Amino acid sequence: MLDVVTLGEAMLRLSAAPGESLEAAPALAVRAAGAEANVAVTLARLGFRTGWISRLPDDALGRRVAGEIRRHGVDVSAVVWAERGRTGLYFLERGVTPRGTAVHYDRAGSAFSEIDAEAIDWDYARAARWVHVTGITPALGPGCAAAAARLIREARASGGRVSFDVNYRHKLWSLEAARATLDPMLRELDLLVMTRDDAQALFGLEGPPAAQAETARARWRCGAVAVTAGTDGACLAAADGLAAVRAVPGVELDRIGRGDAFAAGLLWGALDGDLRAGLRYGAALAALCQTYEGDVAWVTRDDVLALLAGAASRTAR
């Protein structure tokens, strides 16, 4: 039995060096990246057994994506290999204040966007303790939305638990389309994660994060709801009441992937039966993730525990 199975697209990320523009950069760094894969990778690095379901072209770029995810210990045996199609790309230009960071997607027509739910090994998914999905997957097309919805149904039918990160991307779909598709998926989840801004813009949840989390939990009858608020930390509404955590301060080298690291921390706590601890793990993982180049948090369980104990910034000799 796997601890967590995720479903989603992973792309190749091509990024300019910090301060460089995509227009002028002489070279781009290439890494694999995808929200659901990032969660699986982080949990694998923490010692959990994770698997990732996706669809990739059976070519050099598809194999590179799978290989990068596999190297962290994630099982990729359930990936559907396509004879035709392409690997999605995204281009990243990291700005320095006051210039913002820009992301440019080139993922239309990717192999994953044409995934067929009937091609997925559902026995594999049903064997997991938890499954994790994000709102990015349903945004990629009807087949992707059907696969995400079925993963939720299969997990429930087999007694597994479901985690869902709203993860709204305005470049992929409109607020109206996202709201109509996601609202039915959010009902009676075991764990729901969203940002303060998504809670307000997508679902009209007003007030501070704590109020948003409580309202969301009541509206969709979820086991627990976490609302993140950037530098203001995060709140968790669950059956045993409210909990909050402050953001862990630190240097930001690369902000992409912080939300996925936070979600992985929550799942760590859920797997150990302590979501309040998961809230702390998530805050620590988000802070650590932003200190690495790329979307992946190259951390271990000891790194997280050292940070929470106040010993992370010391020189290890």
Protein backbone atom coordinates (compact mmCIF):
# COMPACT_ATOMS: atom_id res chain seq x y z
CA MET A 1 0.00 0.00 0.00
CA LEU A 2 1.23 3.46 -0.92
CA ASP A 3 0.81 6.31 1.54
CA VAL A 4 -0.13 8.93 -1.08
CA VAL A 5 -0.94 8.78 -4.79
CA THR A 6 -1.18 11.97 -6.82
CA LEU A 7 -2.56 12.63 -10.29
CA GLY A 8 -1.45 15.46 -12.53
CA GLU A 9 0.75 16.84 -15.26
CA ALA A 10 4.45 17.50 -14.88
CA MET A 11 6.17 19.78 -17.35
CA LEU A 12 9.68 20.86 -18.08
CA ARG A 13 10.45 24.19 -16.49
CA LEU A 14 12.86 26.44 -18.42
CA SER A 15 14.02 29.32 -16.24
CA ALA A 16 16.29 32.28 -16.72
CA ALA A 17 18.85 33.06 -14.05
CA PRO A 18 17.61 35.44 -11.31
CA GLY A 19 17.52 38.96 -12.71
CA GLU A 20 17.75 37.79 -16.32
CA SER A 21 14.86 38.34 -18.73
CA LEU A 22 13.65 35.53 -20.97
CA GLU A 23 14.21 37.89 -23.87
CA ALA A 24 17.90 38.29 -23.13
CA ALA A 25 18.93 35.15 -21.22
CA PRO A 26 21.79 33.30 -22.96
CA ALA A 27 20.81 29.99 -21.34
CA LEU A 28 17.87 28.44 -19.51
CA ALA A 29 17.94 25.92 -16.66
CA VAL A 30 15.76 22.86 -17.30
CA ARG A 31 13.94 21.01 -14.51
CA ALA A 32 10.83 18.89 -14.17
CA ALA A 33 7.94 20.52 -12.33
CA GLY A 34 4.26 19.96 -11.60
CA ALA A 35 2.13 20.69 -8.55
CA GLU A 36 1.01 17.13 -7.85
CA ALA A 37 4.41 15.66 -8.66
CA ASN A 38 6.02 18.22 -6.32
CA VAL A 39 3.84 16.98 -3.45
CA ALA A 40 4.70 13.35 -4.20
CA VAL A 41 8.42 14.18 -4.35
CA THR A 42 8.43 16.09 -1.08
CA LEU A 43 6.59 13.32 0.76
CA ALA A 44 8.93 10.70 -0.70
CA ARG A 45 11.91 12.70 0.55
CA LEU A 46 10.25 12.73 3.99
CA GLY A 47 10.17 8.94 3.99
CA PHE A 48 6.63 8.21 2.79
CA ARG A 49 5.71 5.80 0.01
CA THR A 50 4.29 7.85 -2.85
CA GLY A 51 3.13 7.28 -6.40
CA TRP A 52 2.36 9.60 -9.29
CA ILE A 53 -0.17 8.99 -12.06
CA SER A 54 0.22 10.94 -15.28
CA ARG A 55 0.48 10.63 -19.05
CA LEU A 56 3.75 11.36 -20.84
CA PRO A 57 5.03 10.98 -24.40
CA ASP A 58 7.34 8.02 -24.82
CA ASP A 59 10.28 10.14 -25.94
CA ALA A 60 13.38 11.76 -24.50
CA LEU A 61 11.55 14.64 -22.82
CA GLY A 62 8.86 12.42 -21.33
CA ARG A 63 11.49 10.06 -19.98
CA ARG A 64 13.40 12.99 -18.52
CA VAL A 65 10.33 14.15 -16.60
CA ALA A 66 9.63 10.67 -15.24
CA GLY A 67 13.28 10.11 -14.41
CA GLU A 68 13.59 13.31 -12.39
CA ILE A 69 10.51 12.43 -10.35
CA ARG A 70 11.63 8.83 -9.86
CA ARG A 71 15.05 9.85 -8.54
CA HIS A 72 13.45 11.13 -5.35
CA GLY A 73 11.83 7.77 -4.64
CA VAL A 74 8.40 8.36 -6.19
CA ASP A 75 6.87 5.33 -7.89
CA VAL A 76 6.06 6.18 -11.53
CA SER A 77 4.91 2.74 -12.64
CA ALA A 78 1.34 4.00 -13.16
CA VAL A 79 2.36 6.64 -15.71
CA VAL A 80 0.53 6.11 -19.01
CA TRP A 81 3.00 6.27 -21.90
CA ALA A 82 1.71 7.80 -25.14
CA GLU A 83 3.03 7.01 -28.59
CA ARG A 84 2.25 10.56 -29.71
CA GLY A 85 1.97 13.94 -28.02
CA ARG A 86 4.30 16.38 -26.37
CA THR A 87 5.67 17.32 -22.99
CA GLY A 88 4.27 20.55 -21.61
CA LEU A 89 6.68 23.41 -20.98
CA TYR A 90 6.67 26.51 -18.88
CA PHE A 91 9.09 29.40 -18.96
CA LEU A 92 9.97 31.30 -15.81
CA GLU A 93 11.39 34.81 -15.49
CA ARG A 94 12.15 35.72 -11.89
CA GLY A 95 12.03 39.40 -11.15
CA VAL A 96 13.68 41.32 -8.36
CA THR A 97 11.55 43.83 -6.44
CA PRO A 98 9.91 45.95 -7.76
CA ARG A 99 9.83 43.78 -10.92
CA GLY A 100 7.54 40.79 -10.56
CA THR A 101 8.01 37.16 -11.57
CA ALA A 102 6.41 36.01 -14.84
CA VAL A 103 5.34 32.52 -15.93
CA HIS A 104 4.65 31.66 -19.57
CA TYR A 105 2.93 28.32 -20.33
CA ASP A 106 3.44 26.26 -23.47
CA ARG A 107 1.39 23.20 -22.57
CA ALA A 108 -1.53 23.17 -25.03
CA GLY A 109 -1.91 19.76 -26.64
CA SER A 110 0.35 18.03 -24.14
CA ALA A 111 0.14 14.26 -23.75
CA PHE A 112 -1.42 14.69 -20.32
CA SER A 113 -4.17 17.00 -21.60
CA GLU A 114 -5.49 14.04 -23.63
CA ILE A 115 -5.51 11.54 -20.78
CA ASP A 116 -8.32 8.97 -20.84
CA ALA A 117 -9.61 7.89 -17.45
CA GLU A 118 -10.11 4.37 -18.79
CA ALA A 119 -6.36 4.04 -19.38
CA ILE A 120 -5.51 4.63 -15.71
CA ASP A 121 -4.75 1.72 -13.39
CA TRP A 122 -7.45 2.36 -10.81
CA ASP A 123 -6.41 -0.61 -8.67
CA TYR A 124 -3.17 1.30 -8.12
CA ALA A 125 -5.03 4.39 -6.94
CA ARG A 126 -7.45 2.42 -4.76
CA ALA A 127 -4.53 0.92 -2.81
CA ALA A 128 -3.38 4.31 -1.46
CA ARG A 129 -4.11 5.62 2.03
CA TRP A 130 -4.53 9.13 0.60
CA VAL A 131 -4.90 10.60 -2.86
CA HIS A 132 -4.01 14.19 -3.67
CA VAL A 133 -5.45 16.27 -6.51
CA THR A 134 -5.23 19.96 -7.42
CA GLY A 135 -7.47 22.33 -9.32
CA ILE A 136 -4.85 22.57 -12.04
CA THR A 137 -5.72 19.15 -13.43
CA PRO A 138 -9.43 19.84 -14.16
CA ALA A 139 -8.38 23.08 -15.87
CA LEU A 140 -6.47 21.19 -18.57
CA GLY A 141 -9.47 19.70 -20.37
CA PRO A 142 -12.57 17.52 -20.05
CA GLY A 143 -10.59 14.28 -19.92
CA CYS A 144 -8.39 15.66 -17.15
CA ALA A 145 -11.43 16.83 -15.17
CA ALA A 146 -13.03 13.40 -15.57
CA ALA A 147 -9.84 11.68 -14.37
CA ALA A 148 -9.61 13.93 -11.30
CA ALA A 149 -13.26 13.37 -10.40
CA ARG A 150 -12.92 9.62 -10.82
CA LEU A 151 -9.80 9.52 -8.63
CA ILE A 152 -11.83 11.11 -5.85
CA ARG A 153 -14.66 8.60 -6.34
CA GLU A 154 -12.31 5.61 -6.45
CA ALA A 155 -10.54 6.68 -3.27
CA ARG A 156 -13.79 7.11 -1.39
CA ALA A 157 -15.14 3.77 -2.59
CA SER A 158 -12.04 1.96 -1.35
CA GLY A 159 -11.92 3.70 2.03
CA GLY A 160 -9.04 6.02 1.13
CA ARG A 161 -8.86 9.68 2.03
CA VAL A 162 -8.84 12.64 -0.33
CA SER A 163 -6.76 15.84 -0.26
CA PHE A 164 -7.50 18.65 -2.71
CA ASP A 165 -5.53 21.87 -3.29
CA VAL A 166 -7.62 24.45 -5.21
CA ASN A 167 -4.47 25.97 -6.78
CA TYR A 168 -6.33 28.32 -9.17
CA ARG A 169 -4.43 29.40 -12.29
CA HIS A 170 -6.04 32.31 -14.10
CA LYS A 171 -4.00 31.65 -17.24
CA LEU A 172 -5.65 28.24 -17.59
CA TRP A 173 -9.34 29.08 -17.07
CA SER A 174 -11.76 31.74 -15.96
CA LEU A 175 -13.11 32.18 -12.45
CA GLU A 176 -16.56 31.18 -13.67
CA ALA A 177 -15.37 27.96 -15.32
CA ALA A 178 -13.22 27.04 -12.34
CA ARG A 179 -16.04 27.67 -9.88
CA ALA A 180 -18.54 25.56 -11.82
CA THR A 181 -16.13 22.63 -12.19
CA LEU A 182 -14.51 22.65 -8.77
CA ASP A 183 -17.50 23.25 -6.53
CA PRO A 184 -18.92 19.70 -6.91
CA MET A 185 -15.45 18.17 -6.38
CA LEU A 186 -14.94 19.86 -3.03
CA ARG A 187 -17.82 18.21 -1.22
CA GLU A 188 -16.98 15.96 1.74
CA LEU A 189 -13.24 15.96 1.18
CA ASP A 190 -10.97 14.87 4.00
CA LEU A 191 -8.61 17.81 3.48
CA LEU A 192 -9.13 20.97 1.42
CA VAL A 193 -6.40 23.56 0.88
CA MET A 194 -6.76 26.99 -0.71
CA THR A 195 -5.21 30.43 -0.59
CA ARG A 196 -6.93 33.39 1.00
CA ASP A 197 -7.19 35.07 -2.40
CA ASP A 198 -8.69 31.99 -4.12
CA ALA A 199 -11.20 31.57 -1.31
CA GLN A 200 -12.45 35.11 -1.86
CA ALA A 201 -12.25 35.38 -5.65
CA LEU A 202 -13.52 31.90 -6.55
CA PHE A 203 -16.04 31.19 -3.80
CA GLY A 204 -16.85 34.58 -2.25
CA LEU A 205 -15.52 33.58 1.17
CA GLU A 206 -15.00 36.82 3.07
CA GLY A 207 -13.18 37.71 6.25
CA PRO A 208 -9.82 36.62 7.69
CA PRO A 209 -8.37 33.19 6.81
CA ALA A 210 -9.78 31.58 9.97
CA ALA A 211 -13.32 32.63 9.04
CA GLN A 212 -12.80 31.51 5.45
CA ALA A 213 -11.62 28.09 6.61
CA GLU A 214 -14.60 27.62 8.93
CA THR A 215 -17.08 28.74 6.28
CA ALA A 216 -15.53 26.45 3.65
CA ARG A 217 -15.60 23.49 6.02
CA ALA A 218 -19.29 24.03 6.73
CA ARG A 219 -20.21 24.70 3.08
CA TRP A 220 -18.59 21.57 1.65
CA ARG A 221 -18.75 19.40 4.81
CA CYS A 222 -15.01 18.71 4.68
CA GLY A 223 -13.03 17.01 7.40
CA ALA A 224 -10.51 19.86 7.53
CA VAL A 225 -9.83 23.04 5.56
CA ALA A 226 -6.56 24.96 5.48
CA VAL A 227 -6.36 28.53 4.16
CA THR A 228 -2.93 29.99 3.44
CA ALA A 229 -2.17 33.70 3.57
CA GLY A 230 1.44 34.12 2.43
CA THR A 231 3.55 36.00 4.95
CA ASP A 232 0.55 36.06 7.32
CA GLY A 233 0.77 32.30 7.79
CA ALA A 234 -2.10 29.81 7.56
CA CYS A 235 -5.21 28.67 9.42
CA LEU A 236 -6.78 25.23 9.79
CA ALA A 237 -10.42 24.47 10.61
CA ALA A 238 -11.07 20.90 11.72
CA ALA A 239 -13.37 18.92 13.98
CA ASP A 240 -11.28 19.83 17.04
CA GLY A 241 -11.45 23.57 16.32
CA LEU A 242 -9.21 26.19 14.77
CA ALA A 243 -5.42 26.28 14.61
CA ALA A 244 -3.07 28.83 13.13
CA VAL A 245 0.62 29.04 12.28
CA ARG A 246 2.87 31.94 11.42
CA ALA A 247 4.91 31.94 8.25
CA VAL A 248 8.52 30.95 8.87
CA PRO A 249 10.77 33.86 7.88
CA GLY A 250 13.62 33.24 5.49
CA VAL A 251 15.38 34.25 2.30
CA GLU A 252 13.41 33.76 -0.90
CA LEU A 253 15.56 32.39 -3.69
CA ASP A 254 12.79 30.76 -5.76
CA ARG A 255 9.16 31.08 -4.69
CA ILE A 256 7.68 28.54 -7.11
CA GLY A 257 6.56 25.36 -5.36
CA ARG A 258 6.02 26.77 -1.87
CA GLY A 259 2.32 25.96 -1.87
CA ASP A 260 3.01 22.37 -2.89
CA ALA A 261 5.54 22.05 -0.08
CA PHE A 262 2.95 23.37 2.36
CA ALA A 263 0.39 20.82 1.14
CA ALA A 264 2.97 18.05 1.59
CA GLY A 265 3.51 19.17 5.17
CA LEU A 266 -0.21 18.99 5.88
CA LEU A 267 -0.32 15.49 4.44
CA TRP A 268 2.65 14.50 6.60
CA GLY A 269 0.61 15.50 9.61
CA ALA A 270 -2.50 13.76 8.29
CA LEU A 271 -0.58 10.54 7.70
CA ASP A 272 0.71 10.70 11.27
CA GLY A 273 -2.77 11.51 12.60
CA ASP A 274 -1.90 15.05 13.69
CA LEU A 275 -3.08 17.81 11.33
CA ARG A 276 -2.04 20.55 13.76
CA ALA A 277 1.53 19.28 13.53
CA GLY A 278 1.02 19.16 9.75
CA LEU A 279 0.26 22.87 9.80
CA ARG A 280 3.68 23.50 11.38
CA TYR A 281 5.38 21.09 8.99
CA GLY A 282 3.76 22.88 6.05
CA ALA A 283 4.98 26.30 7.16
CA ALA A 284 8.51 24.96 7.62
CA LEU A 285 8.52 23.16 4.26
CA ALA A 286 7.27 26.25 2.43
CA ALA A 287 10.10 28.30 3.94
CA LEU A 288 12.70 25.66 3.09
CA CYS A 289 11.39 25.12 -0.45
CA GLN A 290 11.98 28.74 -1.41
CA THR A 291 15.69 28.40 -0.58
CA TYR A 292 16.26 25.94 -3.46
CA GLU A 293 16.34 26.51 -7.21
CA GLY A 294 13.41 24.81 -8.90
CA ASP A 295 9.98 23.72 -7.74
CA VAL A 296 11.18 20.83 -5.60
CA ALA A 297 11.92 21.06 -1.89
CA TRP A 298 15.23 19.18 -1.59
CA VAL A 299 14.70 18.51 2.10
CA THR A 300 14.69 15.64 4.54
CA ARG A 301 12.58 15.04 7.63
CA ASP A 302 15.55 16.07 9.77
CA ASP A 303 15.80 19.41 7.93
CA VAL A 304 12.20 20.24 8.81
CA LEU A 305 12.49 19.18 12.42
CA ALA A 306 15.74 21.15 12.80
CA LEU A 307 14.06 24.29 11.48
CA LEU A 308 11.12 23.89 13.84
CA ALA A 309 13.59 23.38 16.71
CA GLY A 310 15.43 26.59 15.79
CA ALA A 311 18.64 24.86 14.72
CA ALA A 312 18.37 24.91 10.93
CA SER A 313 20.60 27.89 10.16
CA ARG A 314 23.60 26.62 12.10
CA THR A 315 26.63 25.33 10.26
CA ALA A 316 26.75 21.54 10.35
CA ARG A 317 30.30 20.28 10.93
